[in-house]
N, C-alpha and C. Protein backbone atom coordinates (compact mmCIF):
# COMPACT_ATOMS: atom_id res chain seq x y z
N MET A 1 35.62 12.57 7.83
CA MET A 1 34.21 12.44 7.57
C MET A 1 33.89 10.99 7.18
N THR A 2 32.87 10.43 7.76
CA THR A 2 32.50 9.07 7.43
C THR A 2 31.35 9.06 6.44
N ALA A 3 31.30 7.99 5.66
CA ALA A 3 30.22 7.85 4.68
C ALA A 3 28.93 7.50 5.42
N PRO A 4 27.80 7.98 4.91
CA PRO A 4 26.53 7.63 5.56
C PRO A 4 26.29 6.13 5.46
N GLU A 5 25.65 5.61 6.48
CA GLU A 5 25.35 4.17 6.49
C GLU A 5 24.33 3.85 5.42
N MET A 6 24.59 2.77 4.72
CA MET A 6 23.63 2.30 3.71
C MET A 6 22.50 1.60 4.43
N THR A 7 21.30 1.88 4.01
CA THR A 7 20.16 1.18 4.58
C THR A 7 19.52 0.34 3.47
N THR A 8 19.05 -0.79 3.84
CA THR A 8 18.37 -1.65 2.90
C THR A 8 16.88 -1.46 3.07
N LEU A 9 16.23 -1.10 2.00
CA LEU A 9 14.79 -0.93 2.06
C LEU A 9 14.13 -2.29 2.08
N PRO A 10 13.04 -2.41 2.84
CA PRO A 10 12.34 -3.69 2.81
C PRO A 10 11.75 -3.92 1.42
N PRO A 11 11.63 -5.17 1.02
CA PRO A 11 11.07 -5.44 -0.31
C PRO A 11 9.60 -5.03 -0.37
N GLU A 12 9.15 -4.71 -1.57
CA GLU A 12 7.75 -4.32 -1.75
C GLU A 12 6.87 -5.56 -1.71
N THR A 13 5.70 -5.40 -1.08
CA THR A 13 4.74 -6.49 -0.99
C THR A 13 3.37 -6.01 -1.47
N ASP A 14 2.50 -6.99 -1.75
CA ASP A 14 1.12 -6.64 -2.06
C ASP A 14 0.37 -6.44 -0.74
N VAL A 15 -0.93 -6.20 -0.80
CA VAL A 15 -1.70 -5.92 0.41
C VAL A 15 -1.75 -7.10 1.37
N GLU A 16 -1.52 -8.32 0.88
CA GLU A 16 -1.54 -9.50 1.74
C GLU A 16 -0.15 -9.86 2.27
N GLY A 17 0.88 -9.13 1.87
CA GLY A 17 2.23 -9.38 2.36
C GLY A 17 3.09 -10.28 1.50
N PHE A 18 2.63 -10.60 0.28
CA PHE A 18 3.44 -11.40 -0.64
C PHE A 18 4.41 -10.49 -1.38
N LEU A 19 5.65 -10.94 -1.52
CA LEU A 19 6.65 -10.14 -2.24
C LEU A 19 6.20 -9.91 -3.68
N LEU A 20 6.40 -8.69 -4.16
CA LEU A 20 6.08 -8.39 -5.55
C LEU A 20 7.15 -8.91 -6.50
N ASP A 21 8.38 -9.00 -6.02
CA ASP A 21 9.49 -9.49 -6.84
C ASP A 21 10.18 -10.64 -6.12
N PRO A 22 9.94 -11.88 -6.56
CA PRO A 22 10.56 -13.04 -5.89
C PRO A 22 12.09 -12.98 -5.83
N GLN A 23 12.71 -12.19 -6.71
CA GLN A 23 14.17 -12.09 -6.72
C GLN A 23 14.70 -11.30 -5.52
N GLN A 24 13.83 -10.57 -4.83
CA GLN A 24 14.25 -9.82 -3.65
C GLN A 24 14.32 -10.69 -2.39
N TRP A 25 13.91 -11.93 -2.51
CA TRP A 25 13.84 -12.83 -1.36
C TRP A 25 15.20 -13.28 -0.90
N ASN A 26 15.34 -13.46 0.39
CA ASN A 26 16.50 -14.13 0.97
C ASN A 26 16.04 -14.78 2.28
N GLU A 27 16.91 -15.55 2.90
CA GLU A 27 16.51 -16.28 4.10
C GLU A 27 16.19 -15.37 5.27
N ARG A 28 16.83 -14.23 5.35
CA ARG A 28 16.54 -13.27 6.43
C ARG A 28 15.12 -12.72 6.26
N ILE A 29 14.76 -12.38 5.03
CA ILE A 29 13.41 -11.91 4.76
C ILE A 29 12.41 -13.01 5.09
N ALA A 30 12.73 -14.24 4.72
CA ALA A 30 11.86 -15.38 5.03
C ALA A 30 11.62 -15.50 6.53
N ALA A 31 12.68 -15.40 7.31
CA ALA A 31 12.56 -15.49 8.76
C ALA A 31 11.70 -14.35 9.32
N ASP A 32 11.85 -13.15 8.77
CA ASP A 32 11.04 -12.01 9.21
C ASP A 32 9.56 -12.23 8.88
N ILE A 33 9.28 -12.71 7.66
CA ILE A 33 7.90 -12.98 7.26
C ILE A 33 7.30 -14.06 8.16
N ALA A 34 8.07 -15.11 8.44
CA ALA A 34 7.60 -16.18 9.31
C ALA A 34 7.25 -15.63 10.69
N HIS A 35 8.14 -14.83 11.24
CA HIS A 35 7.93 -14.26 12.57
C HIS A 35 6.66 -13.42 12.62
N VAL A 36 6.47 -12.57 11.64
CA VAL A 36 5.27 -11.72 11.58
C VAL A 36 4.01 -12.58 11.50
N ASN A 37 4.13 -13.77 10.93
CA ASN A 37 2.99 -14.66 10.75
C ASN A 37 2.90 -15.75 11.82
N GLY A 38 3.57 -15.54 12.95
CA GLY A 38 3.40 -16.42 14.10
C GLY A 38 4.33 -17.60 14.18
N ILE A 39 5.34 -17.68 13.32
CA ILE A 39 6.32 -18.77 13.40
C ILE A 39 7.63 -18.15 13.89
N ASP A 40 7.96 -18.44 15.14
CA ASP A 40 9.13 -17.80 15.75
C ASP A 40 10.45 -18.26 15.18
N ALA A 41 10.56 -19.54 14.84
CA ALA A 41 11.81 -20.05 14.29
C ALA A 41 11.49 -21.08 13.21
N LEU A 42 12.13 -20.95 12.08
CA LEU A 42 11.95 -21.90 10.98
C LEU A 42 12.85 -23.11 11.22
N THR A 43 12.24 -24.28 11.32
CA THR A 43 12.97 -25.53 11.51
C THR A 43 13.42 -26.07 10.15
N ASP A 44 14.17 -27.15 10.18
CA ASP A 44 14.58 -27.80 8.93
C ASP A 44 13.35 -28.22 8.11
N ARG A 45 12.30 -28.67 8.79
CA ARG A 45 11.07 -29.09 8.08
C ARG A 45 10.39 -27.90 7.43
N HIS A 46 10.37 -26.76 8.12
CA HIS A 46 9.83 -25.54 7.50
C HIS A 46 10.61 -25.21 6.23
N TRP A 47 11.94 -25.22 6.36
CA TRP A 47 12.78 -24.86 5.22
C TRP A 47 12.59 -25.83 4.06
N LEU A 48 12.41 -27.11 4.35
CA LEU A 48 12.17 -28.09 3.30
C LEU A 48 10.94 -27.70 2.49
N VAL A 49 9.87 -27.34 3.17
CA VAL A 49 8.62 -26.95 2.50
C VAL A 49 8.79 -25.63 1.77
N VAL A 50 9.37 -24.64 2.43
CA VAL A 50 9.55 -23.32 1.81
C VAL A 50 10.41 -23.42 0.55
N ARG A 51 11.49 -24.14 0.63
CA ARG A 51 12.37 -24.28 -0.55
C ARG A 51 11.69 -25.08 -1.65
N PHE A 52 10.91 -26.10 -1.28
CA PHE A 52 10.17 -26.85 -2.29
C PHE A 52 9.18 -25.94 -3.01
N MET A 53 8.44 -25.14 -2.26
CA MET A 53 7.48 -24.20 -2.85
C MET A 53 8.21 -23.24 -3.80
N ARG A 54 9.28 -22.66 -3.31
CA ARG A 54 10.02 -21.67 -4.09
C ARG A 54 10.64 -22.29 -5.34
N ASP A 55 11.28 -23.43 -5.19
CA ASP A 55 11.91 -24.09 -6.34
C ASP A 55 10.87 -24.47 -7.39
N THR A 56 9.73 -24.98 -6.94
CA THR A 56 8.67 -25.36 -7.87
C THR A 56 8.18 -24.13 -8.63
N PHE A 57 7.96 -23.04 -7.92
CA PHE A 57 7.50 -21.81 -8.58
C PHE A 57 8.54 -21.30 -9.59
N LEU A 58 9.79 -21.26 -9.19
CA LEU A 58 10.82 -20.74 -10.09
C LEU A 58 11.02 -21.63 -11.31
N ARG A 59 10.79 -22.93 -11.14
CA ARG A 59 10.94 -23.87 -12.25
C ARG A 59 9.72 -23.88 -13.18
N THR A 60 8.51 -23.77 -12.62
CA THR A 60 7.29 -23.95 -13.41
C THR A 60 6.47 -22.67 -13.61
N GLY A 61 6.70 -21.67 -12.77
CA GLY A 61 5.89 -20.45 -12.84
C GLY A 61 4.62 -20.51 -12.02
N ALA A 62 4.44 -21.62 -11.28
CA ALA A 62 3.25 -21.76 -10.43
C ALA A 62 3.64 -22.49 -9.15
N ALA A 63 3.01 -22.08 -8.06
CA ALA A 63 3.24 -22.77 -6.80
C ALA A 63 2.39 -24.04 -6.75
N PRO A 64 2.87 -25.08 -6.09
CA PRO A 64 2.08 -26.31 -6.00
C PRO A 64 0.86 -26.13 -5.09
N SER A 65 -0.17 -26.90 -5.36
CA SER A 65 -1.36 -26.91 -4.50
C SER A 65 -1.00 -27.62 -3.20
N ILE A 66 -1.87 -27.53 -2.22
CA ILE A 66 -1.63 -28.22 -0.95
C ILE A 66 -1.53 -29.72 -1.18
N ARG A 67 -2.34 -30.26 -2.07
CA ARG A 67 -2.30 -31.70 -2.35
C ARG A 67 -0.94 -32.08 -2.95
N ALA A 68 -0.48 -31.33 -3.95
CA ALA A 68 0.82 -31.61 -4.56
C ALA A 68 1.95 -31.39 -3.55
N LEU A 69 1.81 -30.37 -2.74
CA LEU A 69 2.82 -30.09 -1.72
C LEU A 69 2.97 -31.28 -0.78
N GLY A 70 1.85 -31.84 -0.33
CA GLY A 70 1.89 -32.99 0.56
C GLY A 70 2.46 -34.23 -0.10
N LYS A 71 2.17 -34.42 -1.38
CA LYS A 71 2.65 -35.62 -2.08
C LYS A 71 4.12 -35.51 -2.48
N GLU A 72 4.51 -34.34 -2.97
CA GLU A 72 5.83 -34.21 -3.61
C GLU A 72 6.94 -33.68 -2.71
N SER A 73 6.59 -32.99 -1.63
CA SER A 73 7.63 -32.41 -0.78
C SER A 73 8.21 -33.40 0.21
N GLY A 74 7.48 -34.49 0.46
CA GLY A 74 7.92 -35.45 1.47
C GLY A 74 7.40 -35.11 2.86
N VAL A 75 6.59 -34.06 2.97
CA VAL A 75 6.00 -33.67 4.25
C VAL A 75 4.50 -33.93 4.16
N PRO A 76 3.97 -34.85 4.97
CA PRO A 76 2.54 -35.16 4.90
C PRO A 76 1.66 -33.94 5.20
N VAL A 77 0.46 -33.94 4.62
CA VAL A 77 -0.46 -32.80 4.76
C VAL A 77 -0.73 -32.49 6.23
N LYS A 78 -0.91 -33.50 7.05
CA LYS A 78 -1.17 -33.26 8.48
C LYS A 78 -0.02 -32.46 9.10
N GLU A 79 1.20 -32.84 8.78
CA GLU A 79 2.37 -32.12 9.32
C GLU A 79 2.46 -30.71 8.74
N LEU A 80 2.07 -30.55 7.47
CA LEU A 80 2.08 -29.21 6.87
C LEU A 80 1.21 -28.25 7.69
N TYR A 81 0.05 -28.74 8.12
CA TYR A 81 -0.85 -27.90 8.92
C TYR A 81 -0.29 -27.63 10.32
N GLU A 82 0.54 -28.54 10.84
CA GLU A 82 1.20 -28.30 12.12
C GLU A 82 2.30 -27.25 11.96
N LEU A 83 3.03 -27.33 10.85
CA LEU A 83 4.13 -26.38 10.60
C LEU A 83 3.62 -24.99 10.25
N PHE A 84 2.55 -24.95 9.44
CA PHE A 84 2.01 -23.68 8.93
C PHE A 84 0.51 -23.64 9.23
N PRO A 85 0.16 -23.36 10.50
CA PRO A 85 -1.23 -23.47 10.94
C PRO A 85 -2.22 -22.55 10.22
N LYS A 86 -1.79 -21.47 9.67
CA LYS A 86 -2.69 -20.52 9.02
C LYS A 86 -2.92 -20.83 7.55
N GLY A 87 -2.64 -22.03 7.12
CA GLY A 87 -2.79 -22.41 5.72
C GLY A 87 -1.44 -22.68 5.12
N PRO A 88 -1.07 -23.94 5.00
CA PRO A 88 0.28 -24.31 4.59
C PRO A 88 0.74 -23.77 3.24
N ALA A 89 -0.04 -23.94 2.20
CA ALA A 89 0.42 -23.50 0.87
C ALA A 89 0.56 -21.99 0.83
N LYS A 90 -0.41 -21.29 1.36
CA LYS A 90 -0.38 -19.83 1.34
C LYS A 90 0.77 -19.28 2.17
N LEU A 91 0.92 -19.77 3.40
CA LEU A 91 1.96 -19.25 4.28
C LEU A 91 3.36 -19.66 3.82
N ALA A 92 3.52 -20.89 3.35
CA ALA A 92 4.83 -21.32 2.85
C ALA A 92 5.22 -20.51 1.61
N ALA A 93 4.25 -20.19 0.76
CA ALA A 93 4.53 -19.36 -0.41
C ALA A 93 4.95 -17.96 0.02
N LYS A 94 4.23 -17.41 0.98
CA LYS A 94 4.56 -16.06 1.46
C LYS A 94 5.97 -16.04 2.03
N ILE A 95 6.29 -17.01 2.88
CA ILE A 95 7.63 -17.08 3.48
C ILE A 95 8.69 -17.31 2.40
N GLY A 96 8.33 -18.06 1.35
CA GLY A 96 9.25 -18.34 0.25
C GLY A 96 9.39 -17.22 -0.76
N GLY A 97 8.66 -16.14 -0.56
CA GLY A 97 8.81 -14.98 -1.43
C GLY A 97 8.18 -15.13 -2.81
N ILE A 98 7.19 -16.02 -2.91
CA ILE A 98 6.54 -16.22 -4.20
C ILE A 98 5.06 -15.82 -4.11
N PRO A 99 4.39 -15.66 -5.25
CA PRO A 99 2.98 -15.26 -5.21
C PRO A 99 2.09 -16.31 -4.56
N LYS A 100 0.94 -15.86 -4.10
CA LYS A 100 -0.04 -16.74 -3.49
C LYS A 100 -0.47 -17.81 -4.49
N PRO A 101 -0.49 -19.06 -4.07
CA PRO A 101 -0.92 -20.14 -4.99
C PRO A 101 -2.35 -19.96 -5.43
N ARG A 102 -2.64 -20.39 -6.65
CA ARG A 102 -4.01 -20.35 -7.13
C ARG A 102 -4.88 -21.21 -6.24
N GLY A 103 -6.09 -20.76 -6.03
CA GLY A 103 -7.02 -21.53 -5.21
C GLY A 103 -6.95 -21.17 -3.74
N CYS A 104 -5.93 -20.44 -3.30
CA CYS A 104 -5.86 -20.01 -1.90
C CYS A 104 -6.69 -18.75 -1.72
N ILE A 105 -7.43 -18.74 -0.65
CA ILE A 105 -8.29 -17.58 -0.38
C ILE A 105 -7.49 -16.50 0.32
């Protein structure tokens, strides 16, 4: 007799798709969230922004604004909009498994 296969439940999200528990995040979940939101493959530049958002949130308890993201991540605002066309701060936060930044609609 074989043991039943373990299944991993998807992490819980709010109505907008943000993870309720940032500790449930991993890179596979990030890639899935990106894909659902129109980004087929996360490049090194995507990961730079996503990790910056996540690290900032975990360190300070708040995600950076788009202005701070552009200044502090090393990725100019224009490029942020190319990488994350549906709103860089909001989408990078979602992919990074953290709550929606304040000020994002």
